Amino acid sequence: MKILAINGSHRKGKNTAAMLQAVLEEAARAGAETELVELTDYQIKPCQACNRCLGKTECSIKDDDMAKLGEKMLAADGIVLGSPVYWANVTGLMKNFIDRTRWMHMAKNMLHGKVGGAVTHAGLRNGGQEQALNIMNRFLAAQGLFVVDTRNQEGGIYNGGAMGTMFNDLREGRPSWKKGVHEDTLAMEECRRLGRNMVEMIKRLGNG
């Protein structure tokens, strides 16, 4: 069983990576092999809208790293996406990656039957986290993945997903900020829960 995390943050190894690592560490404790991919390490050219992928599972762009990422996704049983919130959306880096997976979707859902999940965070308490999370989850569902949430099925709902915030509180009318998403204890617990839930779903589907 393998779970692949894909970080769409432009800041390698920072808050989004910490959330994804929490997912992967918990999944590893449950028996999964894991890998974290930083999209900043890969060259991904924009989709050219040539429509070659309408008739075959192939992209016309051959001189970048998207094929390598496609191979990693095909080899994984679970895929978890992570992106900070940019204007109530995912980053341009994540969106470009999403666009370039079109060849894996149009003629055939090549990722069908895998398990998916997503994490996000923003500076503000209500800074567009839910919308960014929904965008990633909708993408995963459209690709044919079984999307897993962060609910503790035996303990109730504590949050709407793995969504963090850097906002701390107001002090004398001025905002104070967390040093890192690791200080958002609920968000980090939701990430760990996502890792456990993904492993459980993979096992239920008989893929792990």
N, C-alpha and C. Protein backbone atom coordinates (compact mmCIF):
# COMPACT_ATOMS: atom_id res chain seq x y z
N MET A 1 0.85 -1.19 0.00
CA MET A 1 0.00 0.00 0.00
C MET A 1 0.89 1.24 0.00
N LYS A 2 0.62 2.17 -0.92
CA LYS A 2 1.41 3.39 -1.00
C LYS A 2 0.51 4.61 -1.06
N ILE A 3 0.85 5.63 -0.28
CA ILE A 3 0.14 6.90 -0.31
C ILE A 3 1.11 7.99 -0.74
N LEU A 4 0.70 8.73 -1.76
CA LEU A 4 1.49 9.81 -2.33
C LEU A 4 0.90 11.15 -1.94
N ALA A 5 1.72 12.04 -1.38
CA ALA A 5 1.28 13.39 -1.06
C ALA A 5 1.90 14.36 -2.05
N ILE A 6 1.10 15.30 -2.55
CA ILE A 6 1.54 16.26 -3.55
C ILE A 6 1.34 17.66 -2.99
N ASN A 7 2.44 18.38 -2.81
CA ASN A 7 2.41 19.70 -2.20
C ASN A 7 2.42 20.79 -3.28
N GLY A 8 1.35 21.57 -3.33
CA GLY A 8 1.24 22.65 -4.31
C GLY A 8 1.67 24.00 -3.79
N SER A 9 2.33 24.02 -2.64
CA SER A 9 2.81 25.29 -2.11
C SER A 9 4.06 25.75 -2.85
N HIS A 10 4.20 27.05 -3.03
CA HIS A 10 5.41 27.62 -3.61
C HIS A 10 6.54 27.68 -2.58
N ARG A 11 6.21 27.41 -1.31
CA ARG A 11 7.19 27.44 -0.23
C ARG A 11 7.47 26.01 0.21
N LYS A 12 8.51 25.45 -0.33
CA LYS A 12 8.86 24.06 -0.08
C LYS A 12 9.18 23.82 1.40
N GLY A 13 8.61 22.74 1.94
CA GLY A 13 8.94 22.34 3.30
C GLY A 13 8.32 23.18 4.40
N LYS A 14 7.35 24.03 4.08
CA LYS A 14 6.77 24.90 5.09
C LYS A 14 5.44 24.33 5.60
N ASN A 15 4.44 25.19 5.81
CA ASN A 15 3.23 24.78 6.52
C ASN A 15 2.44 23.68 5.81
N THR A 16 2.26 23.80 4.51
CA THR A 16 1.50 22.79 3.79
C THR A 16 2.23 21.45 3.83
N ALA A 17 3.55 21.51 3.70
CA ALA A 17 4.34 20.28 3.79
C ALA A 17 4.21 19.65 5.17
N ALA A 18 4.15 20.48 6.22
CA ALA A 18 4.00 19.95 7.58
C ALA A 18 2.67 19.22 7.73
N MET A 19 1.60 19.77 7.13
CA MET A 19 0.30 19.11 7.19
C MET A 19 0.33 17.79 6.44
N LEU A 20 0.93 17.79 5.27
CA LEU A 20 1.01 16.56 4.48
C LEU A 20 1.88 15.52 5.19
N GLN A 21 2.96 15.96 5.82
CA GLN A 21 3.81 15.03 6.56
C GLN A 21 3.06 14.38 7.70
N ALA A 22 2.17 15.15 8.35
CA ALA A 22 1.36 14.59 9.44
C ALA A 22 0.45 13.49 8.91
N VAL A 23 -0.13 13.71 7.72
CA VAL A 23 -0.96 12.69 7.08
C VAL A 23 -0.12 11.44 6.81
N LEU A 24 1.05 11.64 6.22
CA LEU A 24 1.88 10.51 5.82
C LEU A 24 2.45 9.76 7.02
N GLU A 25 2.84 10.48 8.05
CA GLU A 25 3.40 9.82 9.23
C GLU A 25 2.36 8.92 9.88
N GLU A 26 1.12 9.39 9.94
CA GLU A 26 0.06 8.57 10.52
C GLU A 26 -0.25 7.38 9.63
N ALA A 27 -0.23 7.60 8.32
CA ALA A 27 -0.47 6.50 7.38
C ALA A 27 0.65 5.47 7.48
N ALA A 28 1.88 5.93 7.66
CA ALA A 28 3.01 5.01 7.80
C ALA A 28 2.88 4.17 9.06
N ARG A 29 2.39 4.79 10.14
CA ARG A 29 2.17 4.04 11.38
C ARG A 29 1.12 2.95 11.19
N ALA A 30 0.21 3.19 10.24
CA ALA A 30 -0.83 2.19 9.97
C ALA A 30 -0.40 1.18 8.90
N GLY A 31 0.86 1.28 8.46
CA GLY A 31 1.38 0.27 7.56
C GLY A 31 1.61 0.68 6.12
N ALA A 32 1.41 1.96 5.79
CA ALA A 32 1.55 2.40 4.40
C ALA A 32 2.98 2.83 4.08
N GLU A 33 3.36 2.62 2.84
CA GLU A 33 4.56 3.24 2.29
C GLU A 33 4.17 4.64 1.83
N THR A 34 5.01 5.63 2.05
CA THR A 34 4.61 7.01 1.76
C THR A 34 5.68 7.76 0.98
N GLU A 35 5.24 8.81 0.30
CA GLU A 35 6.16 9.69 -0.43
C GLU A 35 5.55 11.08 -0.50
N LEU A 36 6.38 12.10 -0.28
CA LEU A 36 5.95 13.49 -0.43
C LEU A 36 6.61 14.08 -1.66
N VAL A 37 5.80 14.63 -2.54
CA VAL A 37 6.28 15.30 -3.74
C VAL A 37 6.06 16.80 -3.59
N GLU A 38 7.11 17.57 -3.81
CA GLU A 38 7.03 19.04 -3.81
C GLU A 38 6.98 19.49 -5.27
N LEU A 39 5.86 20.09 -5.68
CA LEU A 39 5.73 20.49 -7.08
C LEU A 39 6.78 21.53 -7.49
N THR A 40 7.34 22.25 -6.51
CA THR A 40 8.39 23.22 -6.84
C THR A 40 9.64 22.54 -7.40
N ASP A 41 9.78 21.22 -7.18
CA ASP A 41 10.94 20.49 -7.68
C ASP A 41 10.75 20.02 -9.12
N TYR A 42 9.57 20.24 -9.68
CA TYR A 42 9.26 19.71 -11.00
C TYR A 42 8.92 20.83 -11.98
N GLN A 43 9.29 20.61 -13.23
CA GLN A 43 8.90 21.53 -14.30
C GLN A 43 7.59 21.05 -14.88
N ILE A 44 6.57 21.88 -14.79
CA ILE A 44 5.26 21.53 -15.32
C ILE A 44 4.80 22.66 -16.23
N LYS A 45 4.81 22.42 -17.52
CA LYS A 45 4.38 23.44 -18.47
C LYS A 45 2.86 23.56 -18.47
N PRO A 46 2.32 24.73 -18.82
CA PRO A 46 0.86 24.89 -18.88
C PRO A 46 0.23 24.03 -19.96
N CYS A 47 -1.00 23.61 -19.72
CA CYS A 47 -1.77 22.89 -20.73
C CYS A 47 -1.92 23.76 -21.97
N GLN A 48 -1.76 23.15 -23.15
CA GLN A 48 -1.86 23.88 -24.41
C GLN A 48 -3.25 23.80 -25.03
N ALA A 49 -4.16 23.08 -24.39
CA ALA A 49 -5.52 22.92 -24.90
C ALA A 49 -5.53 22.40 -26.34
N CYS A 50 -4.62 21.47 -26.62
CA CYS A 50 -4.53 20.92 -27.98
C CYS A 50 -5.58 19.83 -28.21
N ASN A 51 -6.13 19.30 -27.09
CA ASN A 51 -7.20 18.29 -27.13
C ASN A 51 -6.76 16.93 -27.64
N ARG A 52 -5.46 16.65 -27.68
CA ARG A 52 -5.01 15.31 -28.07
C ARG A 52 -5.56 14.27 -27.09
N CYS A 53 -5.68 14.66 -25.81
CA CYS A 53 -6.11 13.71 -24.78
C CYS A 53 -7.59 13.37 -24.86
N LEU A 54 -8.33 14.01 -25.76
CA LEU A 54 -9.73 13.66 -25.91
C LEU A 54 -9.91 12.26 -26.51
N GLY A 55 -8.95 11.84 -27.30
CA GLY A 55 -9.08 10.54 -27.97
C GLY A 55 -8.17 9.46 -27.44
N LYS A 56 -7.13 9.84 -26.68
CA LYS A 56 -6.20 8.86 -26.16
C LYS A 56 -5.61 9.34 -24.84
N THR A 57 -5.16 8.39 -24.03
CA THR A 57 -4.60 8.74 -22.72
C THR A 57 -3.14 9.16 -22.91
N GLU A 58 -3.00 10.35 -23.50
CA GLU A 58 -1.67 10.83 -23.84
C GLU A 58 -1.66 12.35 -23.86
N CYS A 59 -0.58 12.93 -23.38
CA CYS A 59 -0.40 14.39 -23.43
C CYS A 59 0.60 14.72 -24.53
N SER A 60 0.35 15.80 -25.24
CA SER A 60 1.25 16.19 -26.34
C SER A 60 2.54 16.81 -25.84
N ILE A 61 2.57 17.27 -24.59
CA ILE A 61 3.78 17.88 -24.03
C ILE A 61 4.68 16.77 -23.49
N LYS A 62 5.86 16.66 -24.06
CA LYS A 62 6.77 15.57 -23.70
C LYS A 62 8.04 16.04 -23.00
N ASP A 63 8.29 17.34 -22.99
CA ASP A 63 9.59 17.83 -22.51
C ASP A 63 9.50 18.51 -21.15
N ASP A 64 8.65 17.95 -20.27
CA ASP A 64 8.65 18.42 -18.88
C ASP A 64 8.48 17.21 -17.97
N ASP A 65 8.17 17.45 -16.69
CA ASP A 65 8.16 16.38 -15.70
C ASP A 65 6.77 15.80 -15.41
N MET A 66 5.76 16.17 -16.18
CA MET A 66 4.42 15.72 -15.85
C MET A 66 4.26 14.21 -15.99
N ALA A 67 4.96 13.61 -16.93
CA ALA A 67 4.87 12.16 -17.09
C ALA A 67 5.41 11.44 -15.86
N LYS A 68 6.47 11.97 -15.25
CA LYS A 68 7.02 11.38 -14.02
C LYS A 68 5.98 11.43 -12.90
N LEU A 69 5.30 12.57 -12.79
CA LEU A 69 4.27 12.70 -11.76
C LEU A 69 3.10 11.76 -12.04
N GLY A 70 2.77 11.61 -13.30
CA GLY A 70 1.71 10.68 -13.65
C GLY A 70 2.05 9.25 -13.25
N GLU A 71 3.30 8.85 -13.45
CA GLU A 71 3.74 7.52 -13.06
C GLU A 71 3.63 7.32 -11.55
N LYS A 72 3.99 8.35 -10.80
CA LYS A 72 3.90 8.27 -9.34
C LYS A 72 2.44 8.11 -8.89
N MET A 73 1.54 8.86 -9.52
CA MET A 73 0.13 8.76 -9.16
C MET A 73 -0.44 7.38 -9.51
N LEU A 74 -0.06 6.86 -10.67
CA LEU A 74 -0.56 5.55 -11.09
C LEU A 74 -0.05 4.44 -10.17
N ALA A 75 1.13 4.62 -9.60
CA ALA A 75 1.71 3.60 -8.73
C ALA A 75 1.17 3.66 -7.31
N ALA A 76 0.47 4.73 -6.97
CA ALA A 76 -0.02 4.92 -5.60
C ALA A 76 -1.42 4.34 -5.43
N ASP A 77 -1.71 3.92 -4.21
CA ASP A 77 -3.06 3.49 -3.86
C ASP A 77 -3.89 4.66 -3.33
N GLY A 78 -3.20 5.65 -2.77
CA GLY A 78 -3.87 6.84 -2.24
C GLY A 78 -3.10 8.09 -2.62
N ILE A 79 -3.82 9.17 -2.88
CA ILE A 79 -3.22 10.45 -3.26
C ILE A 79 -3.82 11.54 -2.39
N VAL A 80 -2.97 12.30 -1.70
CA VAL A 80 -3.44 13.41 -0.89
C VAL A 80 -2.80 14.70 -1.42
N LEU A 81 -3.63 15.68 -1.70
CA LEU A 81 -3.18 16.96 -2.22
C LEU A 81 -3.12 17.99 -1.10
N GLY A 82 -2.18 18.92 -1.22
CA GLY A 82 -2.08 20.00 -0.26
C GLY A 82 -1.79 21.32 -0.94
N SER A 83 -2.48 22.37 -0.53
CA SER A 83 -2.25 23.70 -1.07
C SER A 83 -2.64 24.75 -0.05
N PRO A 84 -1.83 25.80 0.10
CA PRO A 84 -2.31 26.94 0.87
C PRO A 84 -3.37 27.68 0.06
N VAL A 85 -4.10 28.54 0.72
CA VAL A 85 -5.18 29.28 0.06
C VAL A 85 -4.60 30.54 -0.58
N TYR A 86 -4.86 30.69 -1.87
CA TYR A 86 -4.53 31.92 -2.60
C TYR A 86 -5.84 32.47 -3.15
N TRP A 87 -6.30 33.57 -2.61
CA TRP A 87 -7.53 34.20 -3.08
C TRP A 87 -8.69 33.20 -3.10
N ALA A 88 -8.89 32.51 -1.97
CA ALA A 88 -9.98 31.53 -1.81
C ALA A 88 -9.90 30.43 -2.86
N ASN A 89 -8.69 30.07 -3.24
CA ASN A 89 -8.48 29.05 -4.26
C ASN A 89 -7.17 28.33 -3.96
N VAL A 90 -6.82 27.36 -4.77
CA VAL A 90 -5.52 26.73 -4.67
C VAL A 90 -4.47 27.63 -5.32
N THR A 91 -3.21 27.29 -5.13
CA THR A 91 -2.14 28.07 -5.75
C THR A 91 -2.13 27.87 -7.26
N GLY A 92 -1.47 28.78 -7.96
CA GLY A 92 -1.29 28.61 -9.40
C GLY A 92 -0.51 27.34 -9.72
N LEU A 93 0.43 27.00 -8.86
CA LEU A 93 1.23 25.79 -9.05
C LEU A 93 0.35 24.54 -8.99
N MET A 94 -0.53 24.48 -8.01
CA MET A 94 -1.45 23.34 -7.90
C MET A 94 -2.44 23.32 -9.05
N LYS A 95 -2.96 24.49 -9.42
CA LYS A 95 -3.93 24.55 -10.51
C LYS A 95 -3.30 24.11 -11.83
N ASN A 96 -2.06 24.52 -12.08
CA ASN A 96 -1.37 24.10 -13.29
C ASN A 96 -1.19 22.58 -13.32
N PHE A 97 -0.84 22.01 -12.16
CA PHE A 97 -0.72 20.56 -12.05
C PHE A 97 -2.06 19.89 -12.34
N ILE A 98 -3.14 20.40 -11.75
CA ILE A 98 -4.47 19.84 -11.98
C ILE A 98 -4.81 19.88 -13.48
N ASP A 99 -4.56 21.02 -14.11
CA ASP A 99 -4.86 21.15 -15.53
C ASP A 99 -4.11 20.10 -16.37
N ARG A 100 -2.87 19.84 -15.99
CA ARG A 100 -2.04 18.94 -16.79
C ARG A 100 -2.35 17.47 -16.58
N THR A 101 -3.25 17.15 -15.65
CA THR A 101 -3.68 15.75 -15.50
C THR A 101 -4.85 15.42 -16.42
N ARG A 102 -5.17 16.32 -17.31
CA ARG A 102 -6.33 16.13 -18.19
C ARG A 102 -6.20 14.84 -19.01
N TRP A 103 -4.98 14.49 -19.40
CA TRP A 103 -4.76 13.27 -20.19
C TRP A 103 -5.06 12.00 -19.40
N MET A 104 -5.13 12.12 -18.09
CA MET A 104 -5.44 10.97 -17.25
C MET A 104 -6.94 10.85 -16.98
N HIS A 105 -7.72 11.74 -17.60
CA HIS A 105 -9.14 11.84 -17.26
C HIS A 105 -10.08 11.81 -18.46
N MET A 106 -9.71 12.46 -19.56
CA MET A 106 -10.68 12.70 -20.62
C MET A 106 -11.09 11.43 -21.37
N ALA A 107 -10.14 10.64 -21.84
CA ALA A 107 -10.47 9.42 -22.58
C ALA A 107 -10.75 8.25 -21.64
N LYS A 108 -10.13 8.29 -20.47
CA LYS A 108 -10.30 7.22 -19.48
C LYS A 108 -9.89 7.76 -18.12
N ASN A 109 -10.63 7.43 -17.07
CA ASN A 109 -10.24 7.82 -15.72
C ASN A 109 -9.17 6.84 -15.22
N MET A 110 -7.94 7.18 -15.46
CA MET A 110 -6.83 6.29 -15.18
C MET A 110 -6.58 6.12 -13.68
N LEU A 111 -7.07 7.04 -12.87
CA LEU A 111 -6.87 6.97 -11.42
C LEU A 111 -8.09 6.39 -10.70
N HIS A 112 -9.04 5.91 -11.45
CA HIS A 112 -10.27 5.38 -10.87
C HIS A 112 -9.99 4.27 -9.86
N GLY A 113 -10.68 4.33 -8.73
CA GLY A 113 -10.57 3.30 -7.72
C GLY A 113 -9.56 3.56 -6.63
N LYS A 114 -8.74 4.60 -6.79
CA LYS A 114 -7.79 4.97 -5.75
C LYS A 114 -8.50 5.79 -4.68
N VAL A 115 -7.79 6.08 -3.61
CA VAL A 115 -8.35 6.85 -2.49
C VAL A 115 -7.69 8.21 -2.45
N GLY A 116 -8.48 9.26 -2.24
CA GLY A 116 -7.95 10.61 -2.24
C GLY A 116 -8.32 11.41 -1.01
N GLY A 117 -7.55 12.45 -0.76
CA GLY A 117 -7.82 13.37 0.34
C GLY A 117 -7.08 14.67 0.09
N ALA A 118 -7.36 15.68 0.91
CA ALA A 118 -6.73 16.98 0.70
C ALA A 118 -6.59 17.74 2.01
N VAL A 119 -5.59 18.63 2.05
CA VAL A 119 -5.36 19.51 3.20
C VAL A 119 -5.10 20.92 2.70
N THR A 120 -5.42 21.90 3.53
CA THR A 120 -5.17 23.29 3.16
C THR A 120 -5.06 24.15 4.41
N HIS A 121 -4.54 25.35 4.23
CA HIS A 121 -4.50 26.31 5.34
C HIS A 121 -4.43 27.71 4.75
N ALA A 122 -4.75 28.68 5.59
CA ALA A 122 -4.73 30.08 5.17
C ALA A 122 -4.27 30.95 6.34
N GLY A 123 -3.98 32.21 6.03
CA GLY A 123 -3.58 33.14 7.08
C GLY A 123 -4.75 33.49 7.99
N LEU A 124 -5.92 33.67 7.41
CA LEU A 124 -7.09 34.10 8.17
C LEU A 124 -7.87 32.92 8.71
N ARG A 125 -8.66 33.17 9.73
CA ARG A 125 -9.48 32.10 10.31
C ARG A 125 -10.50 31.59 9.30
N ASN A 126 -11.15 32.49 8.60
CA ASN A 126 -12.10 32.14 7.54
C ASN A 126 -11.56 32.72 6.23
N GLY A 127 -10.46 32.15 5.77
CA GLY A 127 -9.74 32.74 4.65
C GLY A 127 -9.89 32.02 3.34
N GLY A 128 -10.94 31.22 3.20
CA GLY A 128 -11.16 30.49 1.96
C GLY A 128 -10.75 29.04 2.02
N GLN A 129 -10.48 28.53 3.23
CA GLN A 129 -10.05 27.13 3.36
C GLN A 129 -11.07 26.15 2.80
N GLU A 130 -12.33 26.35 3.12
CA GLU A 130 -13.35 25.39 2.67
C GLU A 130 -13.43 25.36 1.15
N GLN A 131 -13.34 26.51 0.51
CA GLN A 131 -13.43 26.54 -0.94
C GLN A 131 -12.23 25.86 -1.58
N ALA A 132 -11.03 26.14 -1.07
CA ALA A 132 -9.83 25.50 -1.61
C ALA A 132 -9.89 23.99 -1.42
N LEU A 133 -10.36 23.56 -0.24
CA LEU A 133 -10.48 22.12 0.02
C LEU A 133 -11.48 21.49 -0.94
N ASN A 134 -12.61 22.17 -1.16
CA ASN A 134 -13.62 21.64 -2.07
C ASN A 134 -13.10 21.52 -3.49
N ILE A 135 -12.28 22.48 -3.91
CA ILE A 135 -11.71 22.44 -5.27
C ILE A 135 -10.84 21.20 -5.44
N MET A 136 -9.98 20.93 -4.46
CA MET A 136 -9.12 19.75 -4.56
C MET A 136 -9.92 18.46 -4.46
N ASN A 137 -10.89 18.41 -3.55
CA ASN A 137 -11.70 17.20 -3.41
C ASN A 137 -12.54 16.95 -4.65
N ARG A 138 -13.05 18.02 -5.24
CA ARG A 138 -13.86 17.87 -6.47
C ARG A 138 -13.00 17.33 -7.60
N PHE A 139 -11.77 17.81 -7.69
CA PHE A 139 -10.84 17.31 -8.71
C PHE A 139 -10.59 15.82 -8.52
N LEU A 140 -10.32 15.43 -7.28
CA LEU A 140 -10.05 14.02 -7.00
C LEU A 140 -11.25 13.14 -7.35
N ALA A 141 -12.44 13.61 -6.99
CA ALA A 141 -13.65 12.85 -7.29
C ALA A 141 -13.86 12.74 -8.80
N ALA A 142 -13.61 13.82 -9.54
CA ALA A 142 -13.76 13.79 -10.99
C ALA A 142 -12.78 12.81 -11.64
N GLN A 143 -11.63 12.64 -11.00
CA GLN A 143 -10.64 11.69 -11.51
C GLN A 143 -10.98 10.24 -11.14
N GLY A 144 -12.07 10.07 -10.39
CA GLY A 144 -12.52 8.72 -10.07
C GLY A 144 -12.03 8.18 -8.75
N LEU A 145 -11.44 9.03 -7.92
CA LEU A 145 -10.95 8.57 -6.63
C LEU A 145 -12.07 8.57 -5.60
N PHE A 146 -11.96 7.69 -4.62
CA PHE A 146 -12.85 7.71 -3.47
C PHE A 146 -12.30 8.73 -2.48
N VAL A 147 -13.00 9.85 -2.32
CA VAL A 147 -12.50 10.95 -1.49
C VAL A 147 -12.84 10.69 -0.02
N VAL A 148 -11.83 10.76 0.82
CA VAL A 148 -11.97 10.50 2.25
C VAL A 148 -11.93 11.82 3.00
N ASP A 149 -12.77 11.95 4.03
CA ASP A 149 -12.72 13.15 4.85
C ASP A 149 -11.99 12.85 6.16
N THR A 150 -12.09 13.77 7.12
CA THR A 150 -11.33 13.64 8.36
C THR A 150 -12.21 13.29 9.55
N ARG A 151 -13.41 12.81 9.28
CA ARG A 151 -14.30 12.53 10.40
C ARG A 151 -13.83 11.31 11.20
N ASN A 152 -13.88 11.45 12.51
CA ASN A 152 -13.71 10.31 13.41
C ASN A 152 -15.08 9.66 13.52
N GLN A 153 -15.26 8.52 12.87
CA GLN A 153 -16.57 7.90 12.78
C GLN A 153 -17.13 7.49 14.13
N GLU A 154 -16.28 7.35 15.13
CA GLU A 154 -16.73 6.96 16.45
C GLU A 154 -16.76 8.12 17.43
N GLY A 155 -16.21 9.27 17.02
CA GLY A 155 -16.10 10.37 17.96
C GLY A 155 -16.74 11.67 17.53
N GLY A 156 -17.41 11.67 16.39
CA GLY A 156 -18.10 12.88 15.98
C GLY A 156 -17.28 13.81 15.10
N ILE A 157 -17.86 14.94 14.76
CA ILE A 157 -17.24 15.92 13.87
C ILE A 157 -16.67 17.08 14.70
N TYR A 158 -15.41 17.40 14.46
CA TYR A 158 -14.77 18.52 15.14
C TYR A 158 -14.42 19.65 14.18
N ASN A 159 -14.34 19.33 12.91
CA ASN A 159 -13.96 20.33 11.92
C ASN A 159 -14.45 19.84 10.56
N GLY A 160 -14.50 20.74 9.59
CA GLY A 160 -14.99 20.38 8.26
C GLY A 160 -13.94 19.76 7.37
N GLY A 161 -12.76 19.50 7.90
CA GLY A 161 -11.69 18.93 7.10
C GLY A 161 -10.35 19.35 7.65
N ALA A 162 -9.29 18.94 6.97
CA ALA A 162 -7.93 19.29 7.40
C ALA A 162 -7.61 20.70 6.93
N MET A 163 -8.08 21.68 7.69
CA MET A 163 -7.95 23.09 7.32
C MET A 163 -7.32 23.87 8.47
N GLY A 164 -6.18 24.47 8.22
CA GLY A 164 -5.48 25.21 9.25
C GLY A 164 -5.57 26.71 9.06
N THR A 165 -5.17 27.43 10.08
CA THR A 165 -5.12 28.89 10.02
C THR A 165 -3.90 29.40 10.76
N MET A 166 -3.29 30.45 10.25
CA MET A 166 -2.16 31.08 10.93
C MET A 166 -2.63 32.15 11.91
N PHE A 167 -3.91 32.55 11.80
CA PHE A 167 -4.45 33.56 12.71
C PHE A 167 -4.54 32.99 14.13
N ASN A 168 -4.12 33.76 15.11
CA ASN A 168 -4.15 33.31 16.49
C ASN A 168 -5.27 33.99 17.25
N ASP A 169 -5.14 35.27 17.53
CA ASP A 169 -6.21 36.03 18.19
C ASP A 169 -5.92 37.52 18.05
N LEU A 170 -6.80 38.32 18.64
CA LEU A 170 -6.62 39.77 18.65
C LEU A 170 -6.04 40.19 19.98
N ARG A 171 -5.02 41.01 19.94
CA ARG A 171 -4.40 41.54 21.14
C ARG A 171 -4.34 43.06 21.02
N GLU A 172 -5.16 43.70 21.85
CA GLU A 172 -5.26 45.16 21.83
C GLU A 172 -5.63 45.66 20.44
N GLY A 173 -6.56 44.95 19.81
CA GLY A 173 -7.06 45.36 18.49
C GLY A 173 -6.18 44.98 17.33
N ARG A 174 -5.08 44.28 17.60
CA ARG A 174 -4.19 43.87 16.52
C ARG A 174 -4.09 42.35 16.46
N PRO A 175 -4.02 41.81 15.24
CA PRO A 175 -3.96 40.35 15.13
C PRO A 175 -2.60 39.82 15.55
N SER A 176 -2.60 38.64 16.13
CA SER A 176 -1.37 37.91 16.38
C SER A 176 -1.42 36.61 15.58
N TRP A 177 -0.26 36.10 15.24
CA TRP A 177 -0.17 34.99 14.31
C TRP A 177 0.58 33.81 14.92
N LYS A 178 0.19 32.62 14.56
CA LYS A 178 0.90 31.43 14.98
C LYS A 178 2.28 31.40 14.33
N LYS A 179 3.21 30.73 14.98
CA LYS A 179 4.55 30.59 14.41
C LYS A 179 4.56 29.60 13.25
N GLY A 180 3.60 28.72 13.26
CA GLY A 180 3.49 27.73 12.19
C GLY A 180 2.21 26.96 12.35
N VAL A 181 1.82 26.23 11.32
CA VAL A 181 0.56 25.50 11.38
C VAL A 181 0.61 24.40 12.43
N HIS A 182 1.81 24.01 12.85
CA HIS A 182 1.92 23.00 13.90
C HIS A 182 1.29 23.45 15.21
N GLU A 183 1.11 24.77 15.37
CA GLU A 183 0.45 25.29 16.57
C GLU A 183 -1.07 25.20 16.48
N ASP A 184 -1.59 24.89 15.31
CA ASP A 184 -3.03 24.68 15.14
C ASP A 184 -3.30 23.20 15.44
N THR A 185 -3.54 22.92 16.70
CA THR A 185 -3.62 21.52 17.14
C THR A 185 -4.78 20.77 16.49
N LEU A 186 -5.91 21.45 16.26
CA LEU A 186 -7.04 20.78 15.63
C LEU A 186 -6.71 20.42 14.19
N ALA A 187 -6.11 21.35 13.45
CA ALA A 187 -5.77 21.08 12.06
C ALA A 187 -4.80 19.90 11.95
N MET A 188 -3.82 19.86 12.83
CA MET A 188 -2.85 18.77 12.78
C MET A 188 -3.48 17.43 13.14
N GLU A 189 -4.41 17.44 14.08
CA GLU A 189 -5.10 16.20 14.42
C GLU A 189 -5.98 15.74 13.25
N GLU A 190 -6.59 16.70 12.55
CA GLU A 190 -7.39 16.36 11.37
C GLU A 190 -6.51 15.74 10.28
N CYS A 191 -5.28 16.23 10.15
CA CYS A 191 -4.36 15.64 9.18
C CYS A 191 -4.04 14.20 9.55
N ARG A 192 -3.77 13.97 10.82
CA ARG A 192 -3.48 12.61 11.26
C ARG A 192 -4.69 11.70 11.05
N ARG A 193 -5.86 12.21 11.34
CA ARG A 193 -7.08 11.44 11.12
C ARG A 193 -7.25 11.12 9.64
N LEU A 194 -6.93 12.07 8.76
CA LEU A 194 -7.04 11.82 7.33
C LEU A 194 -6.13 10.67 6.91
N GLY A 195 -4.91 10.64 7.46
CA GLY A 195 -4.00 9.54 7.16
C GLY A 195 -4.57 8.20 7.58
N ARG A 196 -5.15 8.15 8.78
CA ARG A 196 -5.74 6.90 9.26
C ARG A 196 -6.94 6.49 8.40
N ASN A 197 -7.78 7.47 8.06
CA ASN A 197 -8.97 7.16 7.27
C ASN A 197 -8.62 6.69 5.86
N MET A 198 -7.56 7.27 5.29
CA MET A 198 -7.16 6.85 3.94
C MET A 198 -6.68 5.40 3.95
N VAL A 199 -5.87 5.05 4.94
CA VAL A 199 -5.39 3.67 5.04
C VAL A 199 -6.55 2.71 5.23
N GLU A 200 -7.48 3.08 6.09
CA GLU A 200 -8.64 2.23 6.34
C GLU A 200 -9.46 2.02 5.07
N MET A 201 -9.65 3.09 4.30
CA MET A 201 -10.43 2.96 3.07
C MET A 201 -9.70 2.11 2.03
N ILE A 202 -8.40 2.29 1.92
CA ILE A 202 -7.63 1.48 0.98
C ILE A 202 -7.75 0.00 1.31
N LYS A 203 -7.69 -0.31 2.60
CA LYS A 203 -7.83 -1.71 3.03
C LYS A 203 -9.24 -2.22 2.74
N ARG A 204 -10.25 -1.41 2.96
CA ARG A 204 -11.62 -1.84 2.70
C ARG A 204 -11.84 -2.13 1.23
N LEU A 205 -11.16 -1.36 0.38
CA LEU A 205 -11.29 -1.56 -1.06
C LEU A 205 -10.46 -2.72 -1.55
N GLY A 206 -9.65 -3.29 -0.66
CA GLY A 206 -8.83 -4.43 -1.03
C GLY A 206 -7.59 -4.08 -1.81
N ASN A 207 -7.14 -2.80 -1.69
CA ASN A 207 -5.96 -2.36 -2.43
C ASN A 207 -4.69 -2.37 -1.59
N GLY A 208 -4.83 -2.65 -0.29
CA GLY A 208 -3.64 -2.57 0.55
C GLY A 208 -3.36 -3.86 1.28
